[in-house]
Amino acid sequence: MIQKKICMVGAFATGKTSLVSRFVHSIFSEKYHTTVGVKIDKKTLNIQENKLNFILWDIHGEDEFQKLRMSYLRGSAGYLLVVDGTRQNTLEKAFDIQQRVEEAIGKVPFILVLNKEDMTDEWEIEPTAIDAVIKKGWTVIQTSAKNGLGVEEVFQTLAKKILDK
């Protein structure tokens, strides 16, 4: 079995914890719980005839009071950069976080996760902004931790990127 550390990073309240809960436990809660420090979960995936054990590090959201601790990222095989589609500023913060993560651990596979797809009528992020990110060569997947849309796809796609690296 292959073990890989995966980090969930992004701005405060983008749905990182909810995505992990949906993926690992198939549950969603409307209650908001702030992640303090880091929360670790595990899930095994079967990818390309490999058993891949993901160690998921759900790292606290970054805001003006709490910066991402780069030491949490050491040893990561990849990461999910989570953005809240209803808040434009979380995409802007994601660009900054991605640059700092790359400076800290180098180029590792990652996916920009546009979360809260179930609320697209409230989205602030325009399709042109999403197209611009895709033109940068980033993989972008829309998800909803609430209804599960795209959640399995995000983790499967990241696993394939890691194995193909």
N, C-alpha and C. Protein backbone atom coordinates (compact mmCIF):
# COMPACT_ATOMS: atom_id res chain seq x y z
N MET A 1 0.85 -1.19 0.00
CA MET A 1 0.00 0.00 0.00
C MET A 1 0.89 1.25 0.00
N ILE A 2 0.50 2.20 -0.81
CA ILE A 2 1.23 3.46 -0.93
C ILE A 2 0.54 4.50 -0.03
N GLN A 3 1.33 5.14 0.84
CA GLN A 3 0.76 6.20 1.70
C GLN A 3 1.18 7.56 1.16
N LYS A 4 0.22 8.49 1.12
CA LYS A 4 0.50 9.84 0.63
C LYS A 4 -0.18 10.86 1.53
N LYS A 5 0.58 11.87 1.89
CA LYS A 5 0.04 12.98 2.68
C LYS A 5 -0.54 14.02 1.73
N ILE A 6 -1.80 14.39 1.99
CA ILE A 6 -2.52 15.37 1.19
C ILE A 6 -2.96 16.49 2.13
N CYS A 7 -2.70 17.73 1.76
CA CYS A 7 -3.12 18.87 2.58
C CYS A 7 -4.30 19.59 1.94
N MET A 8 -5.21 20.02 2.80
CA MET A 8 -6.35 20.85 2.40
C MET A 8 -5.99 22.27 2.82
N VAL A 9 -5.86 23.18 1.85
CA VAL A 9 -5.49 24.55 2.17
C VAL A 9 -6.47 25.52 1.49
N GLY A 10 -6.53 26.71 2.03
CA GLY A 10 -7.41 27.74 1.47
C GLY A 10 -7.76 28.75 2.53
N ALA A 11 -8.55 29.71 2.12
CA ALA A 11 -8.99 30.76 3.04
C ALA A 11 -9.92 30.18 4.11
N PHE A 12 -10.22 30.99 5.07
CA PHE A 12 -11.13 30.68 6.17
C PHE A 12 -12.53 30.38 5.61
N ALA A 13 -13.16 29.30 6.09
CA ALA A 13 -14.56 28.97 5.79
C ALA A 13 -14.87 28.70 4.32
N THR A 14 -13.96 28.01 3.63
CA THR A 14 -14.21 27.66 2.22
C THR A 14 -14.85 26.28 2.07
N GLY A 15 -14.83 25.48 3.14
CA GLY A 15 -15.43 24.15 3.10
C GLY A 15 -14.43 23.01 3.11
N LYS A 16 -13.20 23.27 3.54
CA LYS A 16 -12.17 22.23 3.56
C LYS A 16 -12.59 21.06 4.45
N THR A 17 -13.02 21.35 5.66
CA THR A 17 -13.44 20.31 6.60
C THR A 17 -14.66 19.56 6.08
N SER A 18 -15.60 20.28 5.50
CA SER A 18 -16.81 19.64 4.96
C SER A 18 -16.47 18.71 3.79
N LEU A 19 -15.52 19.10 2.96
CA LEU A 19 -15.09 18.24 1.85
C LEU A 19 -14.47 16.94 2.38
N VAL A 20 -13.63 17.05 3.40
CA VAL A 20 -13.01 15.86 3.99
C VAL A 20 -14.09 14.97 4.61
N SER A 21 -15.03 15.56 5.35
CA SER A 21 -16.11 14.78 5.98
C SER A 21 -16.96 14.06 4.93
N ARG A 22 -17.26 14.75 3.84
CA ARG A 22 -18.04 14.14 2.77
C ARG A 22 -17.26 12.99 2.14
N PHE A 23 -15.97 13.19 1.89
CA PHE A 23 -15.14 12.18 1.23
C PHE A 23 -14.89 10.97 2.13
N VAL A 24 -14.52 11.21 3.37
CA VAL A 24 -14.12 10.12 4.27
C VAL A 24 -15.33 9.43 4.89
N HIS A 25 -16.32 10.21 5.35
CA HIS A 25 -17.43 9.66 6.13
C HIS A 25 -18.78 9.74 5.42
N SER A 26 -18.82 10.32 4.22
CA SER A 26 -20.07 10.52 3.44
C SER A 26 -21.13 11.30 4.22
N ILE A 27 -20.66 12.29 4.98
CA ILE A 27 -21.61 13.12 5.75
C ILE A 27 -21.35 14.61 5.49
N PHE A 28 -22.39 15.39 5.75
CA PHE A 28 -22.29 16.84 5.68
C PHE A 28 -23.08 17.41 6.85
N SER A 29 -22.51 18.41 7.49
CA SER A 29 -23.19 19.07 8.60
C SER A 29 -23.32 20.55 8.29
N GLU A 30 -24.50 21.11 8.59
CA GLU A 30 -24.71 22.55 8.42
C GLU A 30 -23.98 23.35 9.50
N LYS A 31 -23.61 22.69 10.60
CA LYS A 31 -22.91 23.38 11.69
C LYS A 31 -21.49 23.72 11.26
N TYR A 32 -21.10 24.95 11.52
CA TYR A 32 -19.75 25.37 11.17
C TYR A 32 -18.82 25.16 12.36
N HIS A 33 -17.74 24.47 12.12
CA HIS A 33 -16.71 24.26 13.15
C HIS A 33 -15.39 24.77 12.62
N THR A 34 -14.80 25.72 13.30
CA THR A 34 -13.50 26.23 12.91
C THR A 34 -12.44 25.18 13.20
N THR A 35 -11.58 24.91 12.22
CA THR A 35 -10.47 23.99 12.46
C THR A 35 -9.38 24.76 13.19
N VAL A 36 -8.94 24.19 14.30
CA VAL A 36 -7.86 24.79 15.08
C VAL A 36 -6.61 23.95 14.81
N GLY A 37 -5.62 24.57 14.20
CA GLY A 37 -4.41 23.82 13.86
C GLY A 37 -4.64 22.93 12.67
N VAL A 38 -4.62 21.62 12.92
CA VAL A 38 -4.80 20.66 11.83
C VAL A 38 -5.59 19.46 12.34
N LYS A 39 -6.44 18.92 11.47
CA LYS A 39 -7.22 17.71 11.77
C LYS A 39 -6.81 16.68 10.73
N ILE A 40 -6.54 15.46 11.18
CA ILE A 40 -6.03 14.43 10.26
C ILE A 40 -7.04 13.29 10.13
N ASP A 41 -7.31 12.91 8.88
CA ASP A 41 -8.18 11.77 8.56
C ASP A 41 -7.46 10.88 7.56
N LYS A 42 -7.99 9.66 7.38
CA LYS A 42 -7.40 8.73 6.41
C LYS A 42 -8.49 8.13 5.55
N LYS A 43 -8.13 7.84 4.32
CA LYS A 43 -9.03 7.09 3.44
C LYS A 43 -8.19 6.38 2.39
N THR A 44 -8.57 5.13 2.10
CA THR A 44 -7.87 4.33 1.10
C THR A 44 -8.63 4.39 -0.21
N LEU A 45 -7.90 4.60 -1.30
CA LEU A 45 -8.47 4.63 -2.64
C LEU A 45 -7.83 3.54 -3.48
N ASN A 46 -8.57 3.00 -4.41
CA ASN A 46 -8.02 2.07 -5.39
C ASN A 46 -7.89 2.82 -6.70
N ILE A 47 -6.64 3.07 -7.10
CA ILE A 47 -6.36 3.85 -8.31
C ILE A 47 -5.35 3.10 -9.16
N GLN A 48 -5.66 2.93 -10.43
CA GLN A 48 -4.73 2.31 -11.38
C GLN A 48 -4.06 1.07 -10.80
N GLU A 49 -4.87 0.17 -10.27
CA GLU A 49 -4.41 -1.08 -9.67
C GLU A 49 -3.49 -0.87 -8.47
N ASN A 50 -3.54 0.29 -7.86
CA ASN A 50 -2.78 0.57 -6.65
C ASN A 50 -3.73 0.86 -5.50
N LYS A 51 -3.32 0.43 -4.30
CA LYS A 51 -4.04 0.85 -3.10
C LYS A 51 -3.28 2.06 -2.57
N LEU A 52 -4.01 3.17 -2.50
CA LEU A 52 -3.40 4.43 -2.10
C LEU A 52 -4.05 4.89 -0.80
N ASN A 53 -3.26 5.01 0.25
CA ASN A 53 -3.77 5.45 1.54
C ASN A 53 -3.51 6.94 1.67
N PHE A 54 -4.58 7.73 1.58
CA PHE A 54 -4.45 9.17 1.74
C PHE A 54 -4.49 9.53 3.22
N ILE A 55 -3.48 10.26 3.67
CA ILE A 55 -3.49 10.86 5.00
C ILE A 55 -3.86 12.31 4.75
N LEU A 56 -5.07 12.69 5.12
CA LEU A 56 -5.62 14.01 4.80
C LEU A 56 -5.39 14.98 5.95
N TRP A 57 -4.62 16.02 5.68
CA TRP A 57 -4.35 17.05 6.66
C TRP A 57 -5.26 18.24 6.36
N ASP A 58 -6.27 18.40 7.17
CA ASP A 58 -7.21 19.52 7.05
C ASP A 58 -6.64 20.66 7.89
N ILE A 59 -6.02 21.61 7.20
CA ILE A 59 -5.30 22.69 7.88
C ILE A 59 -6.24 23.89 8.06
N HIS A 60 -6.13 24.53 9.22
CA HIS A 60 -6.96 25.70 9.51
C HIS A 60 -6.98 26.68 8.34
N GLY A 61 -8.12 27.34 8.18
CA GLY A 61 -8.24 28.33 7.11
C GLY A 61 -7.40 29.56 7.39
N GLU A 62 -6.91 30.15 6.32
CA GLU A 62 -6.09 31.35 6.47
C GLU A 62 -6.98 32.59 6.44
N ASP A 63 -6.74 33.48 7.37
CA ASP A 63 -7.42 34.78 7.37
C ASP A 63 -6.42 35.83 7.85
N GLU A 64 -6.91 37.03 8.12
CA GLU A 64 -5.97 38.09 8.49
C GLU A 64 -5.30 37.86 9.84
N PHE A 65 -5.86 36.97 10.66
CA PHE A 65 -5.28 36.72 11.98
C PHE A 65 -4.39 35.48 12.01
N GLN A 66 -4.64 34.55 11.13
CA GLN A 66 -3.94 33.28 11.19
C GLN A 66 -3.39 32.92 9.80
N LYS A 67 -2.08 32.91 9.69
CA LYS A 67 -1.44 32.55 8.43
C LYS A 67 -1.20 31.04 8.39
N LEU A 68 -1.14 30.51 7.18
CA LEU A 68 -0.88 29.09 6.98
C LEU A 68 0.53 28.76 7.48
N ARG A 69 0.62 27.73 8.32
CA ARG A 69 1.93 27.29 8.80
C ARG A 69 2.54 26.37 7.76
N MET A 70 3.60 26.84 7.14
CA MET A 70 4.22 26.08 6.07
C MET A 70 4.79 24.75 6.57
N SER A 71 5.12 24.66 7.86
CA SER A 71 5.65 23.40 8.40
C SER A 71 4.63 22.27 8.30
N TYR A 72 3.33 22.60 8.30
CA TYR A 72 2.29 21.57 8.15
C TYR A 72 2.37 20.90 6.78
N LEU A 73 2.93 21.57 5.81
CA LEU A 73 2.94 21.08 4.44
C LEU A 73 4.07 20.11 4.13
N ARG A 74 5.08 20.08 5.00
CA ARG A 74 6.24 19.22 4.73
C ARG A 74 5.82 17.77 4.51
N GLY A 75 6.38 17.17 3.46
CA GLY A 75 6.09 15.77 3.17
C GLY A 75 4.82 15.55 2.36
N SER A 76 4.16 16.62 1.94
CA SER A 76 2.93 16.48 1.17
C SER A 76 3.22 15.98 -0.24
N ALA A 77 2.41 15.04 -0.69
CA ALA A 77 2.52 14.55 -2.06
C ALA A 77 1.66 15.39 -2.99
N GLY A 78 0.72 16.15 -2.40
CA GLY A 78 -0.19 16.98 -3.16
C GLY A 78 -1.10 17.74 -2.23
N TYR A 79 -1.90 18.64 -2.81
CA TYR A 79 -2.83 19.41 -1.98
C TYR A 79 -4.04 19.85 -2.77
N LEU A 80 -5.09 20.13 -2.02
CA LEU A 80 -6.29 20.71 -2.60
C LEU A 80 -6.37 22.15 -2.12
N LEU A 81 -6.45 23.06 -3.07
CA LEU A 81 -6.53 24.49 -2.81
C LEU A 81 -8.01 24.86 -2.93
N VAL A 82 -8.68 25.05 -1.78
CA VAL A 82 -10.13 25.16 -1.76
C VAL A 82 -10.57 26.63 -1.75
N VAL A 83 -11.52 26.93 -2.65
CA VAL A 83 -12.06 28.27 -2.83
C VAL A 83 -13.57 28.19 -2.65
N ASP A 84 -14.16 29.21 -2.05
CA ASP A 84 -15.61 29.32 -1.88
C ASP A 84 -16.14 30.15 -3.04
N GLY A 85 -16.90 29.52 -3.93
CA GLY A 85 -17.43 30.21 -5.10
C GLY A 85 -18.27 31.42 -4.78
N THR A 86 -18.81 31.50 -3.57
CA THR A 86 -19.66 32.64 -3.20
C THR A 86 -18.84 33.82 -2.67
N ARG A 87 -17.51 33.66 -2.59
CA ARG A 87 -16.66 34.74 -2.07
C ARG A 87 -15.44 34.92 -2.97
N GLN A 88 -15.45 35.97 -3.79
CA GLN A 88 -14.38 36.27 -4.74
C GLN A 88 -13.02 36.35 -4.04
N ASN A 89 -13.00 36.94 -2.85
CA ASN A 89 -11.71 37.13 -2.16
C ASN A 89 -11.01 35.81 -1.84
N THR A 90 -11.75 34.69 -1.78
CA THR A 90 -11.10 33.40 -1.48
C THR A 90 -10.29 32.91 -2.69
N LEU A 91 -10.68 33.31 -3.89
CA LEU A 91 -9.89 32.98 -5.08
C LEU A 91 -8.61 33.80 -5.09
N GLU A 92 -8.72 35.08 -4.77
CA GLU A 92 -7.53 35.93 -4.70
C GLU A 92 -6.56 35.41 -3.64
N LYS A 93 -7.08 35.02 -2.49
CA LYS A 93 -6.25 34.46 -1.43
C LYS A 93 -5.60 33.16 -1.89
N ALA A 94 -6.33 32.36 -2.69
CA ALA A 94 -5.80 31.08 -3.18
C ALA A 94 -4.55 31.28 -4.04
N PHE A 95 -4.51 32.33 -4.86
CA PHE A 95 -3.33 32.59 -5.68
C PHE A 95 -2.11 32.83 -4.79
N ASP A 96 -2.30 33.60 -3.73
CA ASP A 96 -1.22 33.89 -2.78
C ASP A 96 -0.79 32.61 -2.05
N ILE A 97 -1.76 31.83 -1.59
CA ILE A 97 -1.44 30.59 -0.87
C ILE A 97 -0.68 29.62 -1.78
N GLN A 98 -1.14 29.47 -3.03
CA GLN A 98 -0.49 28.54 -3.95
C GLN A 98 0.97 28.92 -4.16
N GLN A 99 1.23 30.20 -4.32
CA GLN A 99 2.60 30.67 -4.52
C GLN A 99 3.47 30.36 -3.30
N ARG A 100 2.93 30.61 -2.11
CA ARG A 100 3.69 30.35 -0.88
C ARG A 100 3.89 28.86 -0.64
N VAL A 101 2.90 28.04 -0.98
CA VAL A 101 3.04 26.59 -0.83
C VAL A 101 4.15 26.09 -1.76
N GLU A 102 4.14 26.56 -3.00
CA GLU A 102 5.16 26.14 -3.96
C GLU A 102 6.56 26.56 -3.51
N GLU A 103 6.67 27.75 -2.94
CA GLU A 103 7.97 28.20 -2.41
C GLU A 103 8.43 27.32 -1.26
N ALA A 104 7.48 26.83 -0.46
CA ALA A 104 7.81 26.04 0.73
C ALA A 104 8.14 24.58 0.40
N ILE A 105 7.36 23.95 -0.51
CA ILE A 105 7.55 22.51 -0.74
C ILE A 105 7.83 22.16 -2.19
N GLY A 106 7.92 23.15 -3.06
CA GLY A 106 8.18 22.89 -4.47
C GLY A 106 6.91 22.58 -5.23
N LYS A 107 7.08 22.18 -6.48
CA LYS A 107 5.93 21.88 -7.33
C LYS A 107 5.47 20.46 -7.04
N VAL A 108 4.30 20.35 -6.44
CA VAL A 108 3.65 19.06 -6.23
C VAL A 108 2.25 19.17 -6.84
N PRO A 109 1.64 18.04 -7.19
CA PRO A 109 0.31 18.10 -7.79
C PRO A 109 -0.71 18.77 -6.86
N PHE A 110 -1.58 19.58 -7.46
CA PHE A 110 -2.65 20.20 -6.69
C PHE A 110 -3.84 20.44 -7.61
N ILE A 111 -4.98 20.66 -6.98
CA ILE A 111 -6.21 20.97 -7.71
C ILE A 111 -6.85 22.17 -7.05
N LEU A 112 -7.31 23.11 -7.87
CA LEU A 112 -8.11 24.22 -7.36
C LEU A 112 -9.55 23.71 -7.27
N VAL A 113 -10.07 23.69 -6.07
CA VAL A 113 -11.41 23.18 -5.81
C VAL A 113 -12.35 24.37 -5.62
N LEU A 114 -13.30 24.51 -6.55
CA LEU A 114 -14.32 25.56 -6.43
C LEU A 114 -15.51 24.95 -5.71
N ASN A 115 -15.57 25.21 -4.42
CA ASN A 115 -16.59 24.57 -3.58
C ASN A 115 -17.86 25.42 -3.51
N LYS A 116 -18.90 24.79 -3.03
CA LYS A 116 -20.24 25.38 -2.85
C LYS A 116 -20.96 25.51 -4.19
N GLU A 117 -20.80 24.49 -5.03
CA GLU A 117 -21.43 24.44 -6.35
C GLU A 117 -22.95 24.44 -6.23
N ASP A 118 -23.44 23.97 -5.10
CA ASP A 118 -24.90 23.95 -4.86
C ASP A 118 -25.47 25.35 -4.68
N MET A 119 -24.61 26.36 -4.62
CA MET A 119 -25.06 27.75 -4.40
C MET A 119 -24.63 28.65 -5.55
N THR A 120 -24.58 28.14 -6.78
CA THR A 120 -24.06 28.93 -7.90
C THR A 120 -24.83 30.22 -8.14
N ASP A 121 -26.10 30.27 -7.74
CA ASP A 121 -26.86 31.52 -7.91
C ASP A 121 -26.31 32.64 -7.02
N GLU A 122 -25.48 32.28 -6.02
CA GLU A 122 -24.87 33.28 -5.13
C GLU A 122 -23.38 33.48 -5.42
N TRP A 123 -22.88 32.85 -6.47
CA TRP A 123 -21.44 32.93 -6.75
C TRP A 123 -21.01 34.34 -7.13
N GLU A 124 -19.84 34.71 -6.61
CA GLU A 124 -19.19 35.97 -6.97
C GLU A 124 -18.09 35.74 -8.00
N ILE A 125 -17.62 34.50 -8.12
CA ILE A 125 -16.54 34.19 -9.05
C ILE A 125 -17.14 34.00 -10.44
N GLU A 126 -16.67 34.82 -11.36
CA GLU A 126 -17.19 34.82 -12.73
C GLU A 126 -16.57 33.68 -13.55
N PRO A 127 -17.30 33.16 -14.54
CA PRO A 127 -16.74 32.13 -15.43
C PRO A 127 -15.45 32.57 -16.10
N THR A 128 -15.30 33.85 -16.40
CA THR A 128 -14.06 34.33 -17.03
C THR A 128 -12.86 34.16 -16.10
N ALA A 129 -13.08 34.32 -14.79
CA ALA A 129 -12.01 34.12 -13.81
C ALA A 129 -11.61 32.65 -13.75
N ILE A 130 -12.60 31.78 -13.84
CA ILE A 130 -12.33 30.34 -13.84
C ILE A 130 -11.56 29.96 -15.10
N ASP A 131 -11.97 30.49 -16.25
CA ASP A 131 -11.27 30.23 -17.51
C ASP A 131 -9.82 30.69 -17.44
N ALA A 132 -9.58 31.83 -16.81
CA ALA A 132 -8.21 32.35 -16.67
C ALA A 132 -7.35 31.40 -15.85
N VAL A 133 -7.91 30.82 -14.82
CA VAL A 133 -7.17 29.86 -13.98
C VAL A 133 -6.84 28.61 -14.79
N ILE A 134 -7.79 28.14 -15.57
CA ILE A 134 -7.58 26.96 -16.40
C ILE A 134 -6.49 27.24 -17.44
N LYS A 135 -6.48 28.46 -17.98
CA LYS A 135 -5.45 28.84 -18.97
C LYS A 135 -4.05 28.85 -18.35
N LYS A 136 -3.98 29.04 -17.02
CA LYS A 136 -2.69 28.97 -16.33
C LYS A 136 -2.17 27.53 -16.26
N GLY A 137 -3.03 26.59 -16.66
CA GLY A 137 -2.63 25.19 -16.61
C GLY A 137 -3.07 24.47 -15.35
N TRP A 138 -3.87 25.14 -14.53
CA TRP A 138 -4.34 24.53 -13.28
C TRP A 138 -5.54 23.63 -13.57
N THR A 139 -5.64 22.56 -12.82
CA THR A 139 -6.83 21.71 -12.85
C THR A 139 -7.85 22.33 -11.90
N VAL A 140 -9.06 22.56 -12.41
CA VAL A 140 -10.13 23.18 -11.61
C VAL A 140 -11.32 22.24 -11.61
N ILE A 141 -11.82 21.92 -10.42
CA ILE A 141 -12.99 21.06 -10.31
C ILE A 141 -13.99 21.72 -9.37
N GLN A 142 -15.24 21.78 -9.81
CA GLN A 142 -16.30 22.34 -8.96
C GLN A 142 -16.88 21.23 -8.09
N THR A 143 -17.11 21.56 -6.83
CA THR A 143 -17.63 20.58 -5.87
C THR A 143 -18.74 21.18 -5.02
N SER A 144 -19.45 20.29 -4.38
CA SER A 144 -20.38 20.67 -3.32
C SER A 144 -20.23 19.65 -2.21
N ALA A 145 -19.68 20.08 -1.09
CA ALA A 145 -19.58 19.18 0.06
C ALA A 145 -20.98 18.84 0.55
N LYS A 146 -21.92 19.75 0.34
CA LYS A 146 -23.29 19.54 0.82
C LYS A 146 -23.98 18.37 0.10
N ASN A 147 -23.94 18.37 -1.24
CA ASN A 147 -24.63 17.29 -1.95
C ASN A 147 -23.68 16.23 -2.54
N GLY A 148 -22.38 16.43 -2.36
CA GLY A 148 -21.39 15.44 -2.78
C GLY A 148 -20.89 15.59 -4.20
N LEU A 149 -21.46 16.51 -4.97
CA LEU A 149 -21.06 16.68 -6.37
C LEU A 149 -19.56 16.96 -6.50
N GLY A 150 -18.88 16.16 -7.29
CA GLY A 150 -17.47 16.39 -7.60
C GLY A 150 -16.47 16.01 -6.51
N VAL A 151 -16.94 15.64 -5.33
CA VAL A 151 -16.01 15.39 -4.22
C VAL A 151 -15.12 14.18 -4.50
N GLU A 152 -15.73 13.07 -4.86
CA GLU A 152 -14.94 11.86 -5.17
C GLU A 152 -14.01 12.14 -6.35
N GLU A 153 -14.50 12.87 -7.35
CA GLU A 153 -13.71 13.19 -8.54
C GLU A 153 -12.45 13.98 -8.18
N VAL A 154 -12.56 14.92 -7.25
CA VAL A 154 -11.40 15.73 -6.85
C VAL A 154 -10.30 14.84 -6.29
N PHE A 155 -10.65 13.96 -5.36
CA PHE A 155 -9.64 13.12 -4.72
C PHE A 155 -9.08 12.08 -5.70
N GLN A 156 -9.95 11.51 -6.55
CA GLN A 156 -9.49 10.55 -7.56
C GLN A 156 -8.53 11.22 -8.55
N THR A 157 -8.87 12.43 -8.98
CA THR A 157 -8.03 13.16 -9.93
C THR A 157 -6.68 13.49 -9.31
N LEU A 158 -6.68 13.94 -8.06
CA LEU A 158 -5.41 14.23 -7.38
C LEU A 158 -4.58 12.96 -7.23
N ALA A 159 -5.22 11.86 -6.89
CA ALA A 159 -4.49 10.58 -6.75
C ALA A 159 -3.82 10.20 -8.06
N LYS A 160 -4.53 10.34 -9.17
CA LYS A 160 -3.95 10.01 -10.48
C LYS A 160 -2.78 10.93 -10.81
N LYS A 161 -2.92 12.22 -10.48
CA LYS A 161 -1.82 13.17 -10.73
C LYS A 161 -0.58 12.76 -9.93
N ILE A 162 -0.78 12.32 -8.69
CA ILE A 162 0.34 11.93 -7.83
C ILE A 162 1.01 10.66 -8.38
N LEU A 163 0.20 9.68 -8.77
CA LEU A 163 0.76 8.43 -9.29
C LEU A 163 1.46 8.63 -10.63
N ASP A 164 0.98 9.59 -11.44
CA ASP A 164 1.57 9.83 -12.76
C ASP A 164 2.81 10.72 -12.70
N LYS A 165 3.07 11.29 -11.54
CA LYS A 165 4.17 12.24 -11.38
C LYS A 165 5.50 11.56 -11.59
